[in-house]
Structure formats: C-alpha cells, structure tokens
Amino acid sequence: MTESPKGTPEQQAQILMQALPHMLHYDDAIIVVKYGGHAMGKEDMARSFAKDMVLLEQSGVNPVVVHGGGPQIGAMLAKLGIKSEFAAGLRITDKATVEIVEMVLAGSINKQIVGFINNEGGRAIGLCGKDGNMVTATKVTHVHDAASNKDLELDLGFVGDPSRVDTTVLDQVLGRELIPVLAPVCQGADGETYNVNADTFAGAIAGALKAKRLLFLTDVPGVLDKNKQLIKELNIAQIRSLIADGTITGGMIPKVETCIYAIEQGVEGVVILDGQKPHAVLLELLTDHGAGTLITK
C-alpha cells in the first residue's frame, strides 16, 4: 500500500497538533499581508498564495491583502512609450503616468488577485484607497535617501503618503467571509489621484485596523546579520542599532522604518519574510519556527 502525498494519518495528526494552538492564537485576528515582488509575477506562486489566503479565512483569520505592482506598471508604461523615471527609488509620476498606475494597480493586477482567490474557493473583493475614502493621501515633498542618509526635497509629481485612514468600508467587509484585496491608489484632499508606496499603504492600513500581524512578503528571507544569517526576532531599539552600525542597509532601511511606523500605529507585530517560499504565510503563522524576522515593540 502506497503512502499518500499528504503523509500518513499519524503525520497529518502531528501537523494539526502543531498548527491548532497557532490557529487559536489568530482566531478572529486581522492579518494584513503586503504581497508583491517576484512572488506576484509567477502564476503558480500566485495561485499558491491565493490558496493560503482562503485557508486562513476558513480557519477564522481575517486576512487583508495589499499589493504593489512596480514591474507591471513599468511594463505597461514601456508598451505605451512612456519613459519610467525614478528619484531616490520612487517613480516620478506625472499626470499621464498616474492614469496608467491606476489602470494597472486598481484594474488588471487587483482583479487578477481577486480572480485567483475566488478560483480557490474564497470570496475576494477588490478595492483601492479611493473606495469609501479609505485612505487619503498628501503629496510627497521630501524623501529620505538611504544611500546618503539625507532627506531630499523632491517633486515626484503625483506620489503620495497616507495622511488619514477611514476603516468604515473594511469594517463592513471583515468577518463576513470576504477577503479584501487593496490597491495603493488614493485620492488627496485636493481631489487628485496619488500613487502611494504599497509598503507604506500596508503599514497605514494595518495600523488603523490594529492588526495582530502585518506580513511583508519580499524577495529576501528577512533581516540578516553581518554574516548573512536570518535574525528571527527584533525590537525597535535593536533595529535602530543595526541601522547605525551598518548591518541594515539599502532598501531594507525603508522597509524596517515602515515596520516601526506600523507598530507605533498599533500593530502587534510585523514580519519580513520571503514571499518566494511556498506557503510562507502559513509557515510564519501556523508553525512553531516561523518563516522570517518578527519585529515587535
């Protein structure tokens, strides 16, 4: 008699015994997942991610998905003959570009993720920061440049930062077997449309919802020490020290700064983990060893 791919009944029981305490820990909790990077560009990984979100919702968790889409925006701009320009790592977004950003983020990418989740038996609903005035943005005028460690005054066009979050729409959706999928396209008090960094948007949403966890699915295992080994847990003070001594550098600096911002807004814990790892979200939330770097107050 051959053993099933899922293991023997005893092995399945062991898996359940390990997962159940974690499932109870996150029962009815809000988990915000920032989804992007290479994991989003591959269909098999996108379907695996969708399956994980459905399983979380069926387990009594309230997942909220926030997605980016930089590569897809760049591809569409190139197709339309619009040159992509960047300053301090952020896309300079003029009037023509912001229309493409909205079309790609709130349109094609958002609905693709919704479709994947629905195909796996979930009930996803696609929204953006504009819906119900969920997130109001203000124009970015200063950017911290990690390379020079200086604040630069820049005109990035229609690039914004979250200034206010209204959770009314999300409050109506969560707990009703619906999975919100959010695109970081927002309206300003001036009536203009703004492209908001997806990490920052996720931090603002998680903070306003007082989420138990905010998970950043990235292209790296988490925060690494000087020997390139994963650091399993950090607090805010330790992060400041690691930035000061040069352990945390480059693009990881704005990511951990967003983690700190989210925690200060009321998120219990933020995790940076590798979104290319199959079932990374389930490994982080439902196993003893986790999958990335957990950051707490």
Protein backbone atom coordinates (compact mmCIF):
# COMPACT_ATOMS: atom_id res chain seq x y z
CA MET A 1 0.00 0.00 0.00
CA THR A 2 1.49 3.35 -1.05
CA GLU A 3 1.57 6.32 1.28
CA SER A 4 -0.46 9.36 0.16
CA PRO A 5 1.47 12.55 -0.77
CA LYS A 6 -0.04 14.17 2.31
CA GLY A 7 1.62 11.66 4.64
CA THR A 8 0.27 9.02 6.98
CA PRO A 9 -2.68 9.76 9.30
CA GLU A 10 -0.16 9.99 12.16
CA GLN A 11 1.88 12.61 10.28
CA GLN A 12 -1.25 14.56 9.45
CA ALA A 13 -2.24 14.48 13.13
CA GLN A 14 1.18 15.80 14.10
CA ILE A 15 0.81 18.70 11.66
CA LEU A 16 -2.63 19.51 13.05
CA MET A 17 -1.39 19.34 16.65
CA GLN A 18 1.32 21.86 15.83
CA ALA A 19 -0.99 24.16 13.86
CA LEU A 20 -4.03 24.19 16.18
CA PRO A 21 -2.56 26.35 19.00
CA HIS A 22 -1.47 28.90 16.41
CA MET A 23 -4.90 28.84 14.75
CA LEU A 24 -6.49 29.57 18.12
CA HIS A 25 -3.94 32.36 18.70
CA TYR A 26 -5.01 34.08 15.47
CA ASP A 27 -8.73 33.26 15.70
CA ASP A 28 -10.73 36.31 14.54
CA ALA A 29 -7.49 38.33 14.31
CA ILE A 30 -6.77 40.71 11.44
CA ILE A 31 -3.68 39.82 9.42
CA VAL A 32 -2.55 42.31 6.77
CA VAL A 33 -0.36 40.80 4.04
CA LYS A 34 1.65 43.04 1.71
CA TYR A 35 2.01 41.00 -1.46
CA GLY A 36 4.46 41.90 -4.20
CA GLY A 37 7.87 41.28 -5.72
CA HIS A 38 8.75 38.20 -7.73
CA ALA A 39 6.14 36.06 -5.94
CA MET A 40 3.40 38.08 -7.63
CA GLY A 41 4.75 37.62 -11.14
CA LYS A 42 4.59 33.81 -11.30
CA GLU A 43 1.20 32.20 -11.78
CA ASP A 44 1.89 29.03 -9.79
CA MET A 45 3.09 31.08 -6.81
CA ALA A 46 0.14 33.47 -7.17
CA ARG A 47 -2.28 30.53 -7.02
CA SER A 48 -0.42 29.10 -4.01
CA PHE A 49 -0.68 32.49 -2.27
CA ALA A 50 -4.41 32.67 -3.06
CA LYS A 51 -4.92 29.19 -1.59
CA ASP A 52 -3.15 30.28 1.61
CA MET A 53 -5.40 33.35 1.95
CA VAL A 54 -8.52 31.20 1.54
CA LEU A 55 -7.26 28.69 4.10
CA LEU A 56 -6.57 31.49 6.61
CA GLU A 57 -10.07 32.91 6.15
CA GLN A 58 -11.60 29.45 6.56
CA SER A 59 -9.53 29.00 9.74
CA GLY A 60 -11.16 32.02 11.39
CA VAL A 61 -8.49 34.60 10.49
CA ASN A 62 -9.39 37.89 8.77
CA PRO A 63 -6.78 38.39 6.02
CA VAL A 64 -6.38 41.73 4.23
CA VAL A 65 -4.21 41.72 1.10
CA VAL A 66 -2.34 44.86 -0.01
CA HIS A 67 -0.49 44.57 -3.32
CA GLY A 68 2.03 46.53 -5.31
CA GLY A 69 2.87 46.23 -8.98
CA GLY A 70 6.00 48.18 -9.90
CA PRO A 71 7.25 45.79 -12.62
CA GLN A 72 3.78 45.58 -14.22
CA ILE A 73 3.46 49.38 -14.22
CA GLY A 74 6.91 49.68 -15.80
CA ALA A 75 5.99 47.14 -18.50
CA MET A 76 2.76 48.96 -19.37
CA LEU A 77 4.50 52.35 -19.50
CA ALA A 78 7.14 50.89 -21.82
CA LYS A 79 4.43 49.40 -24.03
CA LEU A 80 2.82 52.84 -24.31
CA GLY A 81 6.15 54.54 -24.98
CA ILE A 82 6.21 56.44 -21.65
CA LYS A 83 9.68 56.53 -20.07
CA SER A 84 9.92 55.50 -16.41
CA GLU A 85 11.93 57.92 -14.29
CA PHE A 86 12.96 57.41 -10.66
CA ALA A 87 14.32 59.58 -7.86
CA ALA A 88 15.52 58.12 -4.52
CA GLY A 89 13.96 54.79 -5.54
CA LEU A 90 10.48 56.25 -6.15
CA ARG A 91 8.74 56.51 -9.50
CA ILE A 92 8.27 60.08 -10.72
CA THR A 93 4.58 60.13 -11.53
CA ASP A 94 3.20 62.80 -13.86
CA LYS A 95 -0.45 63.12 -14.94
CA ALA A 96 -0.12 60.59 -17.78
CA THR A 97 1.76 58.12 -15.58
CA VAL A 98 -0.70 58.25 -12.67
CA GLU A 99 -3.52 57.28 -15.04
CA ILE A 100 -1.54 54.18 -16.09
CA VAL A 101 -0.68 53.43 -12.44
CA GLU A 102 -4.37 53.49 -11.52
CA MET A 103 -5.32 51.35 -14.52
CA VAL A 104 -2.69 48.71 -13.73
CA LEU A 105 -2.91 48.66 -9.91
CA ALA A 106 -6.63 49.17 -9.27
CA GLY A 107 -7.56 47.42 -12.52
CA SER A 108 -5.67 44.49 -14.00
CA ILE A 109 -3.46 43.42 -11.05
CA ASN A 110 -6.16 43.87 -8.43
CA LYS A 111 -8.74 41.88 -10.36
CA GLN A 112 -6.21 39.15 -11.20
CA ILE A 113 -5.51 38.56 -7.49
CA VAL A 114 -9.25 38.66 -6.75
CA GLY A 115 -9.77 36.05 -9.50
CA PHE A 116 -7.08 33.74 -8.12
CA ILE A 117 -8.60 33.86 -4.61
CA ASN A 118 -12.11 33.26 -5.95
CA ASN A 119 -10.85 30.32 -8.05
CA GLU A 120 -9.53 28.71 -4.86
CA GLY A 121 -12.96 28.88 -3.23
CA GLY A 122 -12.64 32.25 -1.48
CA ARG A 123 -14.74 35.38 -1.86
CA ALA A 124 -12.37 38.27 -2.55
CA ILE A 125 -13.39 41.87 -3.09
CA GLY A 126 -11.09 44.29 -4.94
CA LEU A 127 -10.80 47.82 -3.58
CA CYS A 128 -8.37 50.74 -3.65
CA GLY A 129 -7.59 53.62 -1.30
CA LYS A 130 -10.20 55.77 -3.05
CA ASP A 131 -13.12 53.49 -2.17
CA GLY A 132 -15.13 54.94 0.69
CA ASN A 133 -12.33 57.49 1.20
CA MET A 134 -10.43 54.60 2.78
CA VAL A 135 -7.01 56.28 2.55
CA THR A 136 -6.47 59.99 1.94
CA ALA A 137 -3.03 60.91 0.63
CA THR A 138 -0.87 64.01 0.76
CA LYS A 139 1.76 64.83 -1.85
CA VAL A 140 5.29 63.65 -1.03
CA THR A 141 7.69 66.60 -0.95
CA HIS A 142 10.63 65.13 1.00
CA VAL A 143 12.24 61.71 0.65
CA HIS A 144 14.87 60.04 2.84
CA ASP A 145 17.69 58.80 0.63
CA ALA A 146 19.18 55.66 2.19
CA ALA A 147 22.43 55.94 0.19
CA SER A 148 23.32 59.38 1.53
CA ASN A 149 21.26 59.11 4.75
CA LYS A 150 19.83 62.56 3.99
CA ASP A 151 16.36 64.00 3.49
CA LEU A 152 15.99 65.26 -0.05
CA GLU A 153 13.43 67.80 -1.26
CA LEU A 154 11.93 66.34 -4.42
CA ASP A 155 8.97 66.86 -6.71
CA LEU A 156 7.83 63.35 -7.61
CA GLY A 157 4.57 64.50 -9.15
CA PHE A 158 1.52 62.52 -8.05
CA VAL A 159 3.26 60.40 -5.41
CA GLY A 160 1.59 60.49 -2.01
CA ASP A 161 1.84 59.34 1.58
CA PRO A 162 -1.18 58.19 3.63
CA SER A 163 -2.42 61.05 5.82
CA ARG A 164 -5.74 59.60 7.03
CA VAL A 165 -7.30 56.12 7.09
CA ASP A 166 -11.05 55.55 7.36
CA THR A 167 -11.78 51.86 8.06
CA THR A 168 -15.57 52.10 7.55
CA VAL A 169 -15.58 50.01 4.36
CA LEU A 170 -13.16 47.41 5.76
CA ASP A 171 -15.16 47.17 8.99
CA GLN A 172 -18.19 46.21 6.88
CA VAL A 173 -16.23 43.61 4.89
CA LEU A 174 -14.13 41.85 7.55
CA GLY A 175 -15.73 38.96 9.43
CA ARG A 176 -18.20 38.28 6.60
CA GLU A 177 -16.21 35.58 4.77
CA LEU A 178 -14.84 38.22 2.39
CA ILE A 179 -11.16 38.85 1.67
CA PRO A 180 -10.38 42.49 0.79
CA VAL A 181 -7.65 43.00 -1.81
CA LEU A 182 -6.38 46.59 -1.74
CA ALA A 183 -4.51 48.62 -4.37
CA PRO A 184 -2.48 51.60 -3.07
CA VAL A 185 -4.14 54.21 -5.29
CA CYS A 186 -5.54 57.08 -3.21
CA GLN A 187 -7.22 60.44 -3.53
CA GLY A 188 -5.83 63.60 -1.97
CA ALA A 189 -7.79 66.33 -0.21
CA ASP A 190 -7.07 68.31 -3.39
CA GLY A 191 -9.11 65.80 -5.44
CA GLU A 192 -6.04 64.48 -7.29
CA THR A 193 -5.11 60.80 -7.63
CA TYR A 194 -1.89 59.70 -5.91
CA ASN A 195 0.34 56.66 -6.28
CA VAL A 196 1.25 55.51 -2.75
CA ASN A 197 4.11 53.13 -1.94
CA ALA A 198 2.49 49.75 -1.22
CA ASP A 199 4.61 49.10 1.91
CA THR A 200 3.62 52.45 3.41
CA PHE A 201 -0.02 51.91 2.44
CA ALA A 202 0.00 48.46 4.09
CA GLY A 203 1.53 49.93 7.26
CA ALA A 204 -1.16 52.61 7.44
CA ILE A 205 -3.98 50.07 6.87
CA ALA A 206 -2.57 47.60 9.43
CA GLY A 207 -2.14 50.36 12.00
CA ALA A 208 -5.68 51.68 11.55
CA LEU A 209 -7.13 48.17 11.83
CA LYS A 210 -4.93 47.40 14.88
CA ALA A 211 -3.86 44.23 13.07
CA LYS A 212 -2.31 41.39 15.05
CA ARG A 213 0.27 40.89 12.29
CA LEU A 214 1.50 42.74 9.22
CA LEU A 215 3.43 40.45 6.88
CA PHE A 216 5.75 41.88 4.22
CA LEU A 217 6.32 39.27 1.51
CA THR A 218 9.67 40.26 0.00
CA ASP A 219 12.45 38.74 -2.12
CA VAL A 220 14.71 38.06 0.91
CA PRO A 221 14.34 35.71 3.94
CA GLY A 222 14.06 38.63 6.37
CA VAL A 223 16.56 40.88 8.19
CA LEU A 224 20.05 39.38 8.00
CA ASP A 225 23.01 39.86 10.35
CA LYS A 226 26.53 40.72 9.19
CA ASN A 227 27.15 37.01 8.46
CA LYS A 228 24.03 36.94 6.24
CA GLN A 229 22.17 34.77 8.76
CA LEU A 230 18.47 35.36 9.42
CA ILE A 231 17.63 37.30 12.60
CA LYS A 232 14.44 35.68 13.94
CA GLU A 233 13.26 38.49 16.24
CA LEU A 234 13.98 42.19 16.70
CA ASN A 235 12.57 45.10 18.65
CA ILE A 236 12.56 48.76 17.63
CA ALA A 237 15.66 49.67 19.66
CA GLN A 238 17.64 46.79 18.11
CA ILE A 239 16.61 47.90 14.60
CA ARG A 240 17.92 51.42 15.29
CA SER A 241 21.25 49.92 16.42
CA LEU A 242 21.51 47.69 13.33
CA ILE A 243 20.90 50.67 11.04
CA ALA A 244 23.50 52.72 12.94
CA ASP A 245 26.19 50.02 12.73
CA GLY A 246 25.55 49.34 9.03
CA THR A 247 24.02 45.85 9.38
CA ILE A 248 20.73 47.04 7.90
CA THR A 249 21.41 48.92 4.67
CA GLY A 250 19.93 49.95 1.33
CA GLY A 251 16.35 49.01 0.52
CA MET A 252 15.87 47.21 3.84
CA ILE A 253 16.05 50.56 5.71
CA PRO A 254 12.74 51.97 4.40
CA LYS A 255 11.12 48.55 4.92
CA VAL A 256 12.09 48.35 8.62
CA GLU A 257 11.14 52.03 9.05
CA THR A 258 7.67 51.11 7.75
CA CYS A 259 7.60 48.22 10.25
CA ILE A 260 8.37 50.66 13.08
CA TYR A 261 5.69 53.06 11.82
CA ALA A 262 3.09 50.24 11.76
CA ILE A 263 3.98 49.11 15.29
CA GLU A 264 3.74 52.69 16.56
CA GLN A 265 0.28 52.86 14.93
CA GLY A 266 -0.87 49.84 16.96
CA VAL A 267 0.12 46.69 15.04
CA GLU A 268 1.17 43.93 17.48
CA GLY A 269 3.95 42.50 15.31
CA VAL A 270 5.39 42.90 11.82
CA VAL A 271 7.15 40.12 9.89
CA ILE A 272 9.52 40.44 6.93
CA LEU A 273 9.68 37.11 5.06
CA ASP A 274 10.48 35.57 1.70
CA GLY A 275 7.34 35.55 -0.45
CA GLN A 276 9.02 33.23 -2.97
CA LYS A 277 8.99 30.41 -0.40
CA PRO A 278 5.92 28.17 -0.93
CA HIS A 279 3.26 28.74 1.75
CA ALA A 280 5.46 31.30 3.54
CA VAL A 281 2.44 32.92 5.22
CA LEU A 282 1.20 29.61 6.66
CA LEU A 283 4.72 28.67 7.79
CA GLU A 284 5.03 32.00 9.61
CA LEU A 285 1.63 31.98 11.29
CA LEU A 286 0.89 28.30 11.89
CA THR A 287 4.24 26.69 12.79
CA ASP A 288 6.48 26.94 15.85
CA HIS A 289 9.59 28.13 13.98
CA GLY A 290 8.03 30.82 11.75
CA ALA A 291 9.49 31.89 8.42
CA GLY A 292 11.03 35.36 8.70
CA THR A 293 12.03 38.20 11.02
CA LEU A 294 9.41 39.18 13.61
CA ILE A 295 9.58 42.82 14.72
CA THR A 296 7.80 43.92 17.89
CA LYS A 297 7.76 46.97 20.15
